[in-house]
Protein backbone atom coordinates (compact mmCIF):
# COMPACT_ATOMS: atom_id res chain seq x y z
CA MET A 1 -92.11 55.41 134.15
CA ILE A 2 -91.85 52.46 131.75
CA ARG A 3 -95.74 52.46 131.03
CA THR A 4 -95.57 56.32 130.82
CA ILE A 5 -93.18 56.18 127.88
CA ALA A 6 -95.17 53.36 125.95
CA ASN A 7 -98.49 55.38 126.35
CA ARG A 8 -96.79 58.45 124.97
CA PHE A 9 -95.14 56.29 122.29
CA LYS A 10 -98.49 54.87 121.17
CA TRP A 11 -100.17 58.13 121.33
CA ASN A 12 -97.12 59.97 118.56
CA ALA A 13 -98.03 56.56 116.67
CA ALA A 14 -101.55 57.54 116.96
CA ARG A 15 -101.22 61.20 115.74
CA CYS A 16 -98.63 60.13 112.93
CA PHE A 17 -100.79 57.68 111.42
CA THR A 18 -104.15 60.01 111.21
CA GLN A 19 -101.83 62.97 109.68
CA THR A 20 -100.42 60.57 106.98
CA CYS A 21 -103.73 59.07 106.16
CA SER A 22 -105.46 62.37 106.16
CA ILE A 23 -102.90 63.47 103.17
CA ASN A 24 -104.49 60.19 101.04
CA SER A 25 -107.71 60.77 102.01
CA ASP A 26 -108.83 58.28 98.89
CA THR A 27 -108.66 54.89 100.54
CA PHE A 28 -110.06 52.93 102.80
CA LEU A 29 -108.13 52.69 106.00
CA CYS A 30 -108.01 56.57 105.89
CA GLN A 31 -111.53 56.94 105.89
CA ASN A 32 -111.58 54.95 109.14
CA ALA A 33 -108.63 56.54 110.53
CA ALA A 34 -110.41 58.55 112.91
CA SER A 35 -112.21 55.30 114.56
CA LEU A 36 -108.98 53.41 114.50
CA LYS A 37 -107.95 52.45 118.05
CA VAL A 38 -104.57 52.83 119.68
CA ASP A 39 -104.85 48.79 119.83
CA GLN A 40 -105.99 48.01 116.11
CA LEU A 41 -102.37 49.91 114.87
CA ALA A 42 -100.43 46.73 115.53
CA ASP A 43 -102.82 44.98 113.58
CA ILE A 44 -101.93 47.55 109.94
CA LYS A 45 -100.15 45.18 107.83
CA GLU A 46 -96.95 46.65 106.05
CA SER A 47 -98.43 46.68 102.75
CA GLU A 48 -101.58 48.11 103.79
CA ILE A 49 -99.57 51.37 105.42
CA LYS A 50 -97.49 51.63 102.14
CA GLU A 51 -100.53 52.00 99.86
CA ILE A 52 -101.61 54.85 102.09
CA SER A 53 -98.08 56.38 101.99
CA ASP A 54 -95.80 58.52 99.99
CA PRO A 55 -93.40 55.36 97.89
CA LEU A 56 -90.80 57.95 97.96
CA LYS A 57 -90.67 57.32 101.85
CA PHE A 58 -90.16 53.55 101.58
CA PRO A 59 -86.30 52.67 100.84
CA ASP A 60 -87.70 49.69 98.90
CA TYR A 61 -91.03 50.50 97.97
CA PHE A 62 -91.44 48.15 95.28
CA GLY A 63 -89.23 44.95 96.52
CA VAL A 64 -86.59 45.41 94.05
CA ARG A 65 -84.07 43.46 96.87
CA LYS A 66 -85.84 40.66 95.99
CA LEU A 67 -84.80 40.23 92.13
CA PHE A 68 -81.49 39.48 92.73
CA ARG A 69 -78.75 37.78 95.66
CA ILE A 70 -75.06 38.59 95.76
CA ARG A 71 -74.70 34.97 94.89
CA ASP A 72 -76.52 35.59 91.22
CA LEU A 73 -74.02 38.58 90.74
CA PHE A 74 -71.13 35.96 91.29
CA ASP A 75 -72.59 33.78 89.12
CA ALA A 76 -72.82 36.02 86.31
CA ARG A 77 -68.84 37.16 86.82
CA ILE A 78 -69.84 40.67 87.50
CA HIS A 79 -66.93 40.64 89.82
CA TYR A 80 -64.53 40.69 86.88
CA GLY A 81 -62.57 43.82 85.78
CA HIS A 82 -60.31 44.52 83.73
CA LYS A 83 -56.56 43.93 83.62
CA ASP A 84 -54.26 45.65 86.76
CA GLY A 85 -53.01 49.04 84.81
CA THR A 86 -56.11 49.79 83.36
CA LEU A 87 -58.00 51.25 86.36
CA ASP A 88 -59.86 54.75 86.46
CA PRO A 89 -58.63 56.64 89.53
CA ASN A 90 -62.54 57.13 90.16
CA MET A 91 -63.21 53.60 90.40
CA LYS A 92 -60.98 52.71 93.25
CA PRO A 93 -63.41 52.68 95.88
CA TYR A 94 -65.44 49.99 94.45
CA ILE A 95 -62.10 47.57 93.98
CA PHE A 96 -61.73 44.59 96.55
CA GLY A 97 -58.52 43.45 95.41
CA SER A 98 -56.75 41.92 91.96
CA ARG A 99 -56.50 37.88 91.21
CA LEU A 100 -54.32 36.48 88.66
CA GLY A 101 -53.69 40.30 86.89
CA HIS A 102 -57.11 41.07 86.82
CA LEU A 103 -59.37 43.59 89.33
CA ILE A 104 -61.91 42.37 90.98
CA PHE A 105 -65.03 44.12 92.34
CA ASP A 106 -66.43 44.28 95.98
CA LEU A 107 -70.12 42.97 95.31
CA ASP A 108 -71.16 44.31 98.55
CA LYS A 109 -71.05 47.88 97.18
CA THR A 110 -72.12 46.55 93.44
CA ALA A 111 -75.24 45.00 95.08
CA GLU A 112 -76.01 48.11 97.47
CA MET A 113 -75.61 50.53 94.02
CA LEU A 114 -77.50 48.15 92.00
CA GLN A 115 -80.36 48.10 94.12
CA ASP A 116 -80.73 51.93 94.33
CA ALA A 117 -80.41 51.65 90.60
CA LEU A 118 -83.50 49.26 90.13
CA ASN A 119 -85.31 51.38 92.98
CA PHE A 120 -84.95 54.58 90.96
CA THR A 121 -86.02 52.60 87.87
CA ALA A 122 -89.32 51.44 89.31
CA HIS A 123 -90.24 54.91 90.58
CA ILE A 124 -89.71 56.01 86.90
CA ALA A 125 -91.76 53.61 85.72
CA TYR A 126 -94.42 54.15 88.08
CA ARG A 127 -94.93 57.87 87.48
CA GLY A 128 -95.10 56.60 83.34
CA GLY A 129 -91.40 57.94 82.49
CA ILE A 130 -89.94 57.21 79.03
CA ILE A 131 -86.97 54.76 79.68
CA LEU A 132 -84.51 54.20 77.12
CA PHE A 133 -81.70 51.38 77.37
CA VAL A 134 -78.53 52.28 75.37
CA SER A 135 -75.71 50.24 74.15
CA HIS A 136 -72.88 50.36 71.35
CA PHE A 137 -71.93 46.62 71.39
CA PRO A 138 -72.76 44.98 68.47
CA GLN A 139 -72.91 41.39 70.35
CA HIS A 140 -75.38 42.75 72.83
CA THR A 141 -77.76 44.47 70.45
CA LEU A 142 -80.42 41.70 70.34
CA THR A 143 -80.39 41.27 74.37
CA VAL A 144 -80.67 44.70 74.70
CA GLU A 145 -83.32 45.58 72.62
CA ASN A 146 -85.40 42.55 73.80
CA ALA A 147 -85.22 43.96 77.08
CA ALA A 148 -86.77 47.12 76.24
CA LYS A 149 -89.47 45.26 74.41
CA GLU A 150 -90.60 43.18 77.06
CA ALA A 151 -90.58 45.88 79.55
CA GLY A 152 -93.05 48.17 76.86
CA GLU A 153 -89.87 50.89 76.91
CA TYR A 154 -87.39 52.07 74.26
CA ALA A 155 -83.64 50.72 73.32
CA HIS A 156 -80.99 52.35 71.09
CA ALA A 157 -78.15 49.93 70.68
CA ARG A 158 -77.05 50.76 67.57
CA GLU A 159 -74.46 53.86 66.55
CA TRP A 160 -74.83 56.65 68.42
CA ASP A 161 -76.32 59.79 66.82
CA PHE A 162 -74.50 63.07 68.03
CA HIS A 163 -77.68 65.16 67.99
CA ILE A 164 -80.34 62.80 69.47
CA PHE A 165 -80.43 64.57 73.05
CA THR A 166 -79.10 68.24 72.18
CA ASN A 167 -80.98 68.68 68.59
CA SER A 168 -83.66 66.60 69.15
CA GLU A 169 -86.08 68.70 67.37
CA LYS A 170 -83.91 69.22 64.27
CA VAL A 171 -83.51 65.56 63.84
CA TYR A 172 -86.67 64.51 63.68
CA ASN A 173 -88.50 67.86 62.88
CA GLY A 174 -90.67 68.54 65.46
CA VAL A 175 -91.51 68.95 69.12
CA THR A 176 -90.09 65.44 70.84
CA ARG A 177 -90.13 64.65 74.07
CA LEU A 178 -87.09 63.17 75.60
CA PRO A 179 -86.77 60.04 77.79
CA ASP A 180 -87.04 60.73 81.86
CA LEU A 181 -84.00 57.75 82.26
CA VAL A 182 -81.52 56.83 80.15
CA ILE A 183 -79.54 53.28 81.16
CA LEU A 184 -76.55 52.86 79.99
CA LEU A 185 -75.36 48.67 79.70
CA SER A 186 -71.81 50.30 78.81
CA THR A 187 -70.81 53.43 79.39
CA LEU A 188 -68.18 52.68 76.81
CA ASN A 189 -67.85 52.67 73.10
CA PRO A 190 -66.16 49.70 71.48
CA GLN A 191 -63.10 52.15 70.90
CA MET A 192 -63.14 52.56 74.87
CA GLN A 193 -64.27 55.79 74.83
CA GLU A 194 -66.85 57.28 76.78
CA HIS A 195 -70.22 56.84 75.12
CA THR A 196 -71.56 60.05 73.48
CA ALA A 197 -75.08 59.63 75.57
CA VAL A 198 -73.48 60.00 78.91
CA LYS A 199 -72.00 63.38 78.12
CA ASP A 200 -75.33 64.56 76.22
CA ALA A 201 -77.78 63.09 78.91
CA ALA A 202 -75.57 65.21 81.46
CA LYS A 203 -76.10 68.31 79.14
CA MET A 204 -80.06 67.83 79.00
CA CYS A 205 -80.20 66.94 82.92
CA ILE A 206 -81.69 63.51 81.83
CA PRO A 207 -80.61 61.12 85.03
CA THR A 208 -78.68 58.41 84.02
CA ILE A 209 -78.16 54.45 85.31
CA GLY A 210 -74.59 53.34 83.83
CA ILE A 211 -72.93 49.90 84.60
CA VAL A 212 -69.26 51.19 84.85
CA ASP A 213 -66.24 48.94 84.36
CA SER A 214 -63.08 49.22 85.75
CA ASN A 215 -61.85 50.91 83.01
CA SER A 216 -64.81 53.83 83.23
CA ASN A 217 -65.55 57.19 84.67
CA PRO A 218 -68.47 56.93 86.58
CA ASN A 219 -68.57 60.78 87.56
CA LEU A 220 -71.51 61.99 85.56
CA ILE A 221 -73.40 58.71 86.10
CA THR A 222 -76.07 59.40 88.48
CA TYR A 223 -76.89 56.00 89.46
CA PRO A 224 -73.33 53.90 88.96
CA VAL A 225 -73.34 50.39 89.05
CA PRO A 226 -69.81 48.97 89.11
CA GLY A 227 -69.43 45.59 87.35
CA ASN A 228 -68.45 43.44 84.37
CA ASP A 229 -70.24 45.50 81.51
CA ASP A 230 -68.59 42.83 78.63
CA SER A 231 -69.73 39.66 79.80
CA SER A 232 -72.81 38.39 77.91
CA VAL A 233 -74.25 36.64 80.89
CA ALA A 234 -73.62 40.09 82.79
CA VAL A 235 -75.34 41.86 80.20
CA GLN A 236 -78.00 39.09 80.18
CA LEU A 237 -78.36 40.03 84.30
CA TYR A 238 -78.48 43.53 83.64
CA CYS A 239 -81.02 43.56 81.47
CA ASN A 240 -83.33 41.06 83.26
CA LEU A 241 -83.07 42.70 86.39
CA PHE A 242 -83.99 46.52 84.80
CA ARG A 243 -86.37 44.83 82.91
CA ASP A 244 -88.47 43.25 86.20
CA ALA A 245 -88.13 46.71 88.45
CA ILE A 246 -89.98 48.49 85.18
CA LEU A 247 -92.99 45.80 85.12
CA LEU A 248 -92.94 46.09 89.12
CA GLY A 249 -93.37 49.80 88.72
CA LYS A 250 -95.76 49.69 86.45
CA SER A 251 -97.40 47.22 88.22
CA LYS A 252 -98.04 49.31 91.10
CA LYS A 253 -99.74 52.18 88.74
CA PRO A 254 -103.10 52.87 89.77
CA MET A 255 -105.97 51.87 87.52
CA VAL A 256 -107.81 54.82 85.90
CA ALA A 257 -111.45 54.04 85.23
CA PHE A 258 -113.20 55.96 82.49
């Protein structure tokens, strides 16, 4: 009986592999899928299977989980929240506790949500999307702009114009293409109010990634990442990670021959 189940599993694996290859018939492995024996399936490397499959079917196709460790988040003081009494009710699920009057983030949850955000960023870059880094804190302007420049993308680290997204054609006197992803290094402005880009991006159905501190509201953010958004070390780490995720996505893009 055990042998019968094993043979049935091998047959199903071979059938599924052949069907997958028939969709992506332009690869070398797919051209020879019909002639592959069941015993040869075990010799196929995971990386080779990824190349002939839809990247969206893999939870971490670009390997963004290797970009950081929880220790890196701890060293960057990402677990530090604001003082007790300033907690936004929507941030309660991401709080581990408090220490000496300051809220502490659960870094296990932060790491999981940060990985999802980086993976989504890499997919946008892989598909040739426009990515916009946004920050309104003067002390982080140079860090944010340098990260966007190194990634080959765009940044808006100055005072926000209320009509950039919602009335862009009139602002720029022509047809404009809005970004495919907005990365907010903080969802608040220097006056501790919600950044205008959060609402404007939601109105225009632009997906967003936002670093949400303990006093922020994550409800309008597509991929919220709970963590400290004030520390220069933390913002530098965020910028480096998103820059590296963008470069990972672009490195996987197929080369077009002319």
